[in-house]
């Protein structure tokens, strides 16, 4: 061990050797204590097995009547998970249905698994070789040849827009169609096959995850989609096993689009003929400061306000149809909510009722 690298001066006496040995021992013990704490937290966290274990709202510090009011306001099909237990469900929690753009962070989860498995070196790898492999005879135009996987995950690729990659924000479903193609190219299998392989320990109850929009969209049941949310909340850990490296979550599950990045100004052409996953190539001004790897974070946007003002600062969401099909993750409350209904817009205004249900 090179002690100078650790910040210790060269040893010159027996006394110094003793002090240095004690210091190194203390560092080792501290690191071991941190690892033990992480392991203990993992053991204490509840996870679903073949099915979710249930608790009443009162047992996990939630007001039953107020939680029911939230569920009624959102409507549709949904579940609430707290502390790893299913504490509320409404509609049909087993029903498959399209989650629209809430599927996008699942693509980015597969991207992070691809980095872990060395299928790609980094989220900043260039896209061009994969485009050529997936779409024989086609290539990125000169303007787009610096597109990376990160650009696709952050909606800053410039594909089907006039601007170069990384220079402008565009909520762009043509770029997401390209992202799906790249996912298939990197994994050499469909998105559904890849997610069932990577997340097999989650033991999905209700079958396929990607089954809508020609296999490009998530159509999981709310109770299965919530398993993915619980996996996200626990930063890639499942029953004490780190399925996806913690550092990949720490580095990428955060706002990644600069708050001052300008919105796209001019259209381009879908010259690769990838189509769209549903919407157009410029759908919303929201994104700078609050978006990253297809998640929406309760960070501060260009207007100086939190994106979801009714929620704790650490909340983030996967959002479909601007507040219709959503998965909400609140780490500080150990809570995941997955519901297809009406949440009150992208800022999830109806979550006021959810927060009101939390008992101090």
Protein backbone atom coordinates (compact mmCIF):
# COMPACT_ATOMS: atom_id res chain seq x y z
CA UNK A 1 0.00 0.00 0.00
CA UNK A 2 1.36 3.40 -0.97
CA UNK A 3 0.73 5.48 2.15
CA UNK A 4 1.80 8.70 0.48
CA UNK A 5 -1.14 8.30 -1.90
CA UNK A 6 -3.39 8.11 1.15
CA UNK A 7 -1.95 11.35 2.45
CA UNK A 8 0.61 9.98 4.93
CA UNK A 9 4.19 11.25 5.06
CA UNK A 10 7.11 8.81 4.62
CA UNK A 11 7.74 6.80 7.80
CA UNK A 12 10.96 7.69 9.60
CA UNK A 13 10.64 6.10 13.07
CA UNK A 14 9.06 3.24 14.98
CA UNK A 15 6.66 5.70 16.63
CA UNK A 16 5.59 7.00 13.27
CA UNK A 17 5.10 3.43 12.05
CA UNK A 18 2.78 2.71 14.98
CA UNK A 19 0.77 5.91 14.43
CA UNK A 20 0.55 5.27 10.71
CA UNK A 21 -0.57 1.68 11.24
CA UNK A 22 -3.26 2.89 13.64
CA UNK A 23 -4.42 5.49 11.15
CA UNK A 24 -4.64 2.97 8.32
CA UNK A 25 -6.49 0.58 10.63
CA UNK A 26 -8.96 3.35 11.46
CA UNK A 27 -9.57 4.05 7.76
CA UNK A 28 -10.17 0.35 7.07
CA UNK A 29 -12.59 0.10 10.01
CA UNK A 30 -14.46 3.20 8.85
CA UNK A 31 -14.84 1.80 5.34
CA UNK A 32 -16.01 -1.52 6.75
CA UNK A 33 -18.54 0.29 8.94
CA UNK A 34 -19.97 2.11 5.91
CA UNK A 35 -20.27 -1.17 4.00
CA UNK A 36 -21.94 -2.85 6.97
CA UNK A 37 -24.41 0.04 7.28
CA UNK A 38 -25.26 -0.23 3.58
CA UNK A 39 -25.74 -3.98 3.95
CA UNK A 40 -27.88 -3.49 7.05
CA UNK A 41 -30.09 -0.97 5.26
CA UNK A 42 -30.50 -3.40 2.37
CA UNK A 43 -31.49 -6.19 4.78
CA UNK A 44 -34.02 -3.92 6.52
CA UNK A 45 -35.63 -2.83 3.25
CA UNK A 46 -38.67 -4.85 2.20
CA UNK A 47 -38.88 -6.13 -1.37
CA UNK A 48 -41.67 -7.99 -3.16
CA UNK A 49 -41.25 -11.66 -3.92
CA UNK A 50 -43.79 -13.51 -6.00
CA UNK A 51 -46.21 -10.78 -4.90
CA UNK A 52 -46.13 -7.53 -2.94
CA UNK A 53 -46.53 -7.88 0.81
CA UNK A 54 -49.31 -5.57 1.97
CA UNK A 55 -49.66 -3.15 4.86
CA UNK A 56 -52.48 -0.80 5.76
CA UNK A 57 -51.75 2.90 5.22
CA UNK A 58 -51.92 3.46 8.98
CA UNK A 59 -49.16 0.89 9.55
CA UNK A 60 -46.72 2.89 7.41
CA UNK A 61 -47.64 6.38 8.59
CA UNK A 62 -50.26 7.35 6.03
CA UNK A 63 -53.77 8.62 6.64
CA UNK A 64 -56.14 6.15 5.00
CA UNK A 65 -58.94 8.59 4.16
CA UNK A 66 -56.55 11.16 2.68
CA UNK A 67 -54.73 8.51 0.64
CA UNK A 68 -58.08 7.35 -0.72
CA UNK A 69 -58.84 10.94 -1.68
CA UNK A 70 -55.61 11.08 -3.68
CA UNK A 71 -56.39 7.79 -5.42
CA UNK A 72 -59.90 8.97 -6.29
CA UNK A 73 -58.57 12.26 -7.67
CA UNK A 74 -56.04 10.52 -9.94
CA UNK A 75 -58.41 7.72 -10.97
CA UNK A 76 -57.56 5.01 -13.48
CA UNK A 77 -55.35 2.17 -12.27
CA UNK A 78 -52.66 2.65 -9.65
CA UNK A 79 -50.68 1.51 -6.63
CA UNK A 80 -48.85 3.16 -3.74
CA UNK A 81 -45.74 1.55 -2.28
CA UNK A 82 -44.23 2.69 1.03
CA UNK A 83 -41.29 1.10 2.80
CA UNK A 84 -41.45 -1.72 0.26
CA UNK A 85 -45.08 -2.65 0.99
CA UNK A 86 -48.18 -2.28 -1.15
CA UNK A 87 -50.35 0.06 0.90
CA UNK A 88 -53.00 1.11 -1.62
CA UNK A 89 -54.31 0.07 -5.02
CA UNK A 90 -57.24 1.21 -7.12
CA UNK A 91 -58.79 0.40 -10.45
CA UNK A 92 -57.10 -2.78 -11.72
CA UNK A 93 -53.48 -2.99 -10.52
CA UNK A 94 -52.96 -6.08 -12.69
CA UNK A 95 -54.16 -4.47 -15.93
CA UNK A 96 -51.66 -3.97 -18.74
CA UNK A 97 -51.81 -0.59 -20.45
CA UNK A 98 -49.51 1.79 -22.26
CA UNK A 99 -47.37 4.08 -20.07
CA UNK A 100 -46.49 6.42 -22.95
CA UNK A 101 -43.35 8.47 -22.24
CA UNK A 102 -42.99 7.03 -18.74
CA UNK A 103 -41.28 4.20 -20.63
CA UNK A 104 -38.32 6.39 -21.54
CA UNK A 105 -36.38 6.05 -18.27
CA UNK A 106 -36.60 2.27 -18.69
CA UNK A 107 -34.61 2.68 -21.93
CA UNK A 108 -32.04 4.70 -19.99
CA UNK A 109 -31.91 2.00 -17.32
CA UNK A 110 -31.01 -0.47 -20.08
CA UNK A 111 -28.37 1.99 -21.26
CA UNK A 112 -26.76 1.96 -17.80
CA UNK A 113 -26.84 -1.82 -17.74
CA UNK A 114 -25.11 -1.77 -21.15
CA UNK A 115 -22.30 0.30 -19.63
CA UNK A 116 -22.03 -2.12 -16.70
CA UNK A 117 -21.83 -5.11 -19.05
CA UNK A 118 -19.25 -3.36 -21.26
CA UNK A 119 -21.50 -3.44 -24.29
CA UNK A 120 -20.56 0.22 -24.58
CA UNK A 121 -17.74 2.03 -22.80
CA UNK A 122 -19.73 5.04 -21.66
CA UNK A 123 -22.99 6.93 -22.08
CA UNK A 124 -20.81 9.39 -24.01
CA UNK A 125 -19.94 6.85 -26.69
CA UNK A 126 -20.69 8.07 -30.22
CA UNK A 127 -23.85 6.76 -31.83
CA UNK A 128 -22.60 6.57 -35.38
CA UNK A 129 -21.14 3.01 -35.38
CA UNK A 130 -24.37 1.68 -33.91
CA UNK A 131 -26.48 3.53 -36.49
CA UNK A 132 -24.43 1.95 -39.27
CA UNK A 133 -24.80 -1.48 -37.68
CA UNK A 134 -28.55 -1.22 -37.02
CA UNK A 135 -29.52 0.62 -40.21
CA UNK A 136 -27.32 -0.78 -43.02
CA UNK A 137 -26.69 1.65 -45.83
CA UNK A 138 -27.62 4.65 -43.66
CA UNK A 139 -25.50 7.10 -41.71
CA UNK A 140 -25.76 10.21 -39.57
CA UNK A 141 -25.42 13.42 -41.53
CA UNK A 142 -22.38 15.59 -40.90
CA UNK A 143 -24.20 17.80 -38.39
CA UNK A 144 -25.24 14.82 -36.29
CA UNK A 145 -22.06 12.76 -36.24
CA UNK A 146 -21.19 13.75 -32.68
CA UNK A 147 -24.49 12.46 -31.23
CA UNK A 148 -23.91 10.28 -28.15
CA UNK A 149 -26.16 8.04 -26.10
CA UNK A 150 -26.26 10.78 -23.46
CA UNK A 151 -27.69 13.21 -26.01
CA UNK A 152 -30.57 10.81 -26.73
CA UNK A 153 -31.25 10.24 -23.02
CA UNK A 154 -31.22 14.00 -22.34
CA UNK A 155 -33.29 15.09 -25.38
CA UNK A 156 -30.40 17.17 -26.70
CA UNK A 157 -29.38 15.08 -29.73
CA UNK A 158 -30.50 17.52 -32.41
CA UNK A 159 -31.82 14.62 -34.51
CA UNK A 160 -34.61 15.87 -36.80
CA UNK A 161 -33.77 19.40 -35.63
CA UNK A 162 -31.62 22.07 -37.26
CA UNK A 163 -29.12 22.49 -34.41
CA UNK A 164 -25.98 20.43 -33.66
CA UNK A 165 -25.99 17.87 -30.83
CA UNK A 166 -25.84 19.18 -27.28
CA UNK A 167 -26.62 22.79 -28.16
CA UNK A 168 -30.43 22.94 -27.78
CA UNK A 169 -33.25 21.27 -25.87
CA UNK A 170 -36.00 19.49 -27.82
CA UNK A 171 -38.50 17.04 -26.31
CA UNK A 172 -38.22 14.84 -29.35
CA UNK A 173 -40.01 11.53 -29.98
CA UNK A 174 -38.17 10.97 -33.25
CA UNK A 175 -34.94 10.96 -31.27
CA UNK A 176 -36.53 8.45 -28.88
CA UNK A 177 -37.43 6.23 -31.85
CA UNK A 178 -33.74 6.35 -32.73
CA UNK A 179 -32.94 5.52 -29.07
CA UNK A 180 -35.09 2.38 -29.33
CA UNK A 181 -33.20 1.33 -32.46
CA UNK A 182 -29.90 1.87 -30.64
CA UNK A 183 -31.14 -0.15 -27.65
CA UNK A 184 -31.89 -3.08 -29.96
CA UNK A 185 -28.49 -2.70 -31.64
CA UNK A 186 -26.52 -2.63 -28.38
CA UNK A 187 -28.41 -5.49 -26.73
CA UNK A 188 -28.95 -7.57 -29.88
CA UNK A 189 -32.44 -8.33 -28.61
CA UNK A 190 -35.74 -6.54 -28.14
CA UNK A 191 -36.22 -4.04 -25.29
CA UNK A 192 -38.60 -6.50 -23.62
CA UNK A 193 -36.07 -9.32 -23.76
CA UNK A 194 -33.37 -7.03 -22.42
CA UNK A 195 -35.40 -5.71 -19.48
CA UNK A 196 -36.62 -9.19 -18.50
CA UNK A 197 -33.01 -10.37 -18.57
CA UNK A 198 -31.52 -7.46 -16.62
CA UNK A 199 -34.35 -7.20 -14.10
CA UNK A 200 -35.18 -10.89 -13.69
CA UNK A 201 -34.63 -10.72 -9.89
CA UNK A 202 -37.58 -8.30 -9.66
CA UNK A 203 -39.92 -11.26 -10.35
CA UNK A 204 -42.53 -9.44 -12.41
CA UNK A 205 -45.99 -10.86 -11.69
CA UNK A 206 -47.90 -9.98 -14.83
CA UNK A 207 -45.69 -10.86 -17.80
CA UNK A 208 -44.08 -8.61 -20.38
CA UNK A 209 -42.91 -5.07 -19.74
CA UNK A 210 -42.42 -3.74 -23.30
CA UNK A 211 -45.51 -4.82 -25.25
CA UNK A 212 -47.19 -1.66 -26.60
CA UNK A 213 -46.30 0.50 -29.61
CA UNK A 214 -44.94 -2.43 -31.57
CA UNK A 215 -42.81 -3.59 -28.65
CA UNK A 216 -41.26 -0.16 -28.16
CA UNK A 217 -43.53 1.00 -25.32
CA UNK A 218 -43.97 -0.13 -21.73
CA UNK A 219 -47.36 -1.70 -21.05
CA UNK A 220 -46.71 -3.24 -17.63
CA UNK A 221 -49.32 -3.53 -14.91
CA UNK A 222 -49.09 -0.79 -12.26
CA UNK A 223 -47.91 -3.28 -9.65
CA UNK A 224 -45.11 -4.52 -11.95
CA UNK A 225 -44.09 -1.04 -13.06
CA UNK A 226 -43.87 -0.12 -9.38
CA UNK A 227 -41.22 -2.84 -8.97
CA UNK A 228 -39.04 -0.90 -11.40
CA UNK A 229 -39.75 2.25 -9.39
CA UNK A 230 -38.69 0.50 -6.17
CA UNK A 231 -35.52 -0.66 -7.95
CA UNK A 232 -34.86 2.97 -8.93
CA UNK A 233 -35.57 4.27 -5.42
CA UNK A 234 -33.05 1.76 -4.02
CA UNK A 235 -30.43 2.89 -6.54
CA UNK A 236 -30.12 -0.43 -8.32
CA UNK A 237 -30.18 -2.61 -5.20
CA UNK A 238 -32.58 -5.53 -4.88
CA UNK A 239 -32.65 -7.68 -1.76
CA UNK A 240 -29.10 -6.70 -0.87
CA UNK A 241 -27.70 -7.44 -4.34
CA UNK A 242 -26.46 -4.47 -6.36
CA UNK A 243 -27.96 -5.42 -9.72
CA UNK A 244 -26.83 -2.14 -11.25
CA UNK A 245 -23.77 -0.34 -9.89
CA UNK A 246 -24.62 2.37 -7.38
CA UNK A 247 -22.25 4.85 -9.02
CA UNK A 248 -24.16 4.57 -12.29
CA UNK A 249 -27.27 5.77 -10.48
CA UNK A 250 -25.43 8.48 -8.58
CA UNK A 251 -23.83 9.80 -11.78
CA UNK A 252 -26.90 9.69 -14.00
CA UNK A 253 -30.11 9.74 -11.95
CA UNK A 254 -30.03 13.53 -11.59
CA UNK A 255 -30.75 16.62 -13.71
CA UNK A 256 -28.38 16.56 -16.67
CA UNK A 257 -29.74 19.20 -19.05
CA UNK A 258 -28.19 22.62 -18.28
CA UNK A 259 -30.72 25.07 -16.92
CA UNK A 260 -29.67 27.70 -19.46
CA UNK A 261 -29.79 25.45 -22.54
CA UNK A 262 -31.96 27.16 -25.18
CA UNK A 263 -34.97 25.50 -26.77
CA UNK A 264 -34.69 24.32 -30.36
CA UNK A 265 -35.68 26.88 -32.97
CA UNK A 266 -35.91 25.07 -36.30
CA UNK A 267 -37.09 21.72 -37.65
CA UNK A 268 -35.01 19.14 -39.47
CA UNK A 269 -35.60 15.90 -41.38
CA UNK A 270 -36.06 12.28 -40.25
CA UNK A 271 -33.47 11.19 -42.79
CA UNK A 272 -32.97 7.79 -41.10
CA UNK A 273 -36.73 7.10 -41.40
CA UNK A 274 -37.00 5.96 -37.79
CA UNK A 275 -40.40 7.60 -37.36
CA UNK A 276 -41.62 8.52 -33.89
CA UNK A 277 -42.66 6.77 -30.69
CA UNK A 278 -45.78 8.90 -30.58
CA UNK A 279 -45.20 12.64 -30.59
CA UNK A 280 -43.36 15.31 -32.55
CA UNK A 281 -39.75 16.49 -32.38
CA UNK A 282 -40.38 19.63 -30.25
CA UNK A 283 -43.16 19.21 -27.71
CA UNK A 284 -42.33 21.23 -24.60
CA UNK A 285 -40.25 24.09 -23.28
CA UNK A 286 -39.92 22.26 -19.93
CA UNK A 287 -36.70 20.29 -19.50
CA UNK A 288 -33.65 22.52 -18.96
CA UNK A 289 -32.53 22.23 -15.35
CA UNK A 290 -35.00 19.47 -14.45
CA UNK A 291 -34.51 16.64 -16.99
CA UNK A 292 -31.89 13.93 -17.22
CA UNK A 293 -31.71 10.42 -18.64
CA UNK A 294 -35.44 10.65 -19.34
CA UNK A 295 -36.43 11.30 -15.71
CA UNK A 296 -38.03 14.56 -14.55
CA UNK A 297 -36.56 15.88 -11.28
CA UNK A 298 -37.94 18.28 -8.71
CA UNK A 299 -35.07 20.64 -9.37
CA UNK A 300 -35.09 24.37 -10.07
CA UNK A 301 -35.90 25.33 -13.65
CA UNK A 302 -35.22 28.51 -15.64
CA UNK A 303 -38.11 30.24 -13.83
CA UNK A 304 -36.34 29.80 -10.49
CA UNK A 305 -39.07 27.47 -9.20
CA UNK A 306 -39.10 23.79 -8.27
CA UNK A 307 -40.59 21.70 -11.06
CA UNK A 308 -43.03 19.89 -8.74
CA UNK A 309 -43.62 22.47 -6.00
CA UNK A 310 -45.94 20.29 -3.93
CA UNK A 311 -43.36 17.53 -3.47
CA UNK A 312 -40.11 17.05 -1.51
CA UNK A 313 -36.97 18.31 -3.22
CA UNK A 314 -35.68 14.77 -3.90
CA UNK A 315 -38.79 13.62 -5.80
CA UNK A 316 -38.52 12.56 -9.43
CA UNK A 317 -40.85 10.99 -11.96
CA UNK A 318 -41.29 9.11 -15.20
CA UNK A 319 -44.01 10.99 -17.05
CA UNK A 320 -46.35 10.02 -19.87
CA UNK A 321 -48.72 12.36 -21.70
CA UNK A 322 -47.89 15.30 -19.45
CA UNK A 323 -49.22 13.94 -16.19
CA UNK A 324 -51.44 11.05 -17.26
CA UNK A 325 -49.28 7.90 -16.98
CA UNK A 326 -46.73 8.50 -14.25
CA UNK A 327 -44.39 6.84 -11.82
CA UNK A 328 -43.42 9.04 -8.88
CA UNK A 329 -40.41 8.25 -6.68
CA UNK A 330 -39.89 10.04 -3.35
CA UNK A 331 -36.74 8.63 -1.73
CA UNK A 332 -37.03 10.69 1.47
CA UNK A 333 -40.48 9.19 2.05
CA UNK A 334 -39.54 5.68 0.85
CA UNK A 335 -42.50 5.95 -1.48
CA UNK A 336 -43.29 4.93 -5.06
CA UNK A 337 -46.59 5.65 -6.80
CA UNK A 338 -47.40 4.20 -10.22
CA UNK A 339 -50.70 5.15 -11.81
CA UNK A 340 -52.34 5.64 -15.19
CA UNK A 341 -54.96 8.30 -14.65
CA UNK A 342 -54.84 12.08 -14.32
CA UNK A 343 -52.20 13.50 -11.97
CA UNK A 344 -52.96 17.14 -12.69
CA UNK A 345 -50.39 17.98 -15.36
CA UNK A 346 -46.64 17.43 -15.60
CA UNK A 347 -46.12 19.15 -12.25
CA UNK A 348 -48.44 16.56 -10.67
CA UNK A 349 -50.69 19.09 -8.93
CA UNK A 350 -52.87 16.36 -7.38
CA UNK A 351 -49.92 15.15 -5.31
CA UNK A 352 -50.91 17.83 -2.80
CA UNK A 353 -53.39 15.23 -1.60
CA UNK A 354 -50.69 12.57 -1.42
CA UNK A 355 -48.39 14.74 0.68
CA UNK A 356 -51.31 15.67 2.90
CA UNK A 357 -51.77 11.95 3.65
CA UNK A 358 -48.29 11.65 5.17
CA UNK A 359 -48.56 11.70 8.96
CA UNK A 360 -45.81 13.50 10.81
